[in-house]
Structure formats: structure tokens, C-alpha cells
């Protein structure tokens, strides 16, 4: 993750939860808040309800990889917190990637691929 870093402090997560905007789909909840920095910060939260540590870490790695591969498309200056839902337990990389991109587009962080410059 070139232009990003991880959110680690509880206070940072709480700030995004309380003052950020959230949208959700079947697999993820995405909270977004402007941070005023020249980089993005991403935090991932996976509850024990989702599964054991192997499952939770696997989902975390899938989300980090999905973000890493599309990081250049995201505008800078945002805190993102992704909360994994129980339904994501058996998801493949492609399902997680699709869910993340869908939420990012709904937050107006990513452009739709099929939109043209003429629109």
C-alpha cells in the first residue's frame, strides 16, 4: 500500500465510526471520513462472530489485497474502515473485491468503469 497506512488506534476507529458516513452491502460495511492528510488510512474490523482467527485473518488479507490492487483509483485524504459481516465468511477474493468496489462507488470514491468522459 503505497499511499496508505493502517488505522491502528481505537480512537481513530471511533472517530470514523461517529463522524464518518457508512454504507453497507451483504458482506461489508464501509465507513468513510475525510482525514485532511495527504494519504489514506484503512482499518479493517472482523468480529469473532465471523469465525476463528484463521477465517478472520484470511478475510483481512483479502480486503487488504483488494484495496492494494485498486489503491491508485482512490482519491487521497480519507480514512476508511471496513467492517466484515458474517455473510462474508465463505467469500472468495472476487466477491470481496466486488463488494468493496460497489461500496466505494456508492461513496463516490471510485468512478464507474462504464462511464465515459462525455457523461
Foldseek 3Di string as FASTA:
>chain_A
DVQEEEDDDPVVVVCQVVPFDWDADDWKIKTKDFAPDQGEYEYEAEDCLLDDPVLVVVVVVLLVVLCVVCVVQFHGGMYMYMYTDNVCSPPDSVVSSVRVVVRCVVVVRGDDPPDDPVD
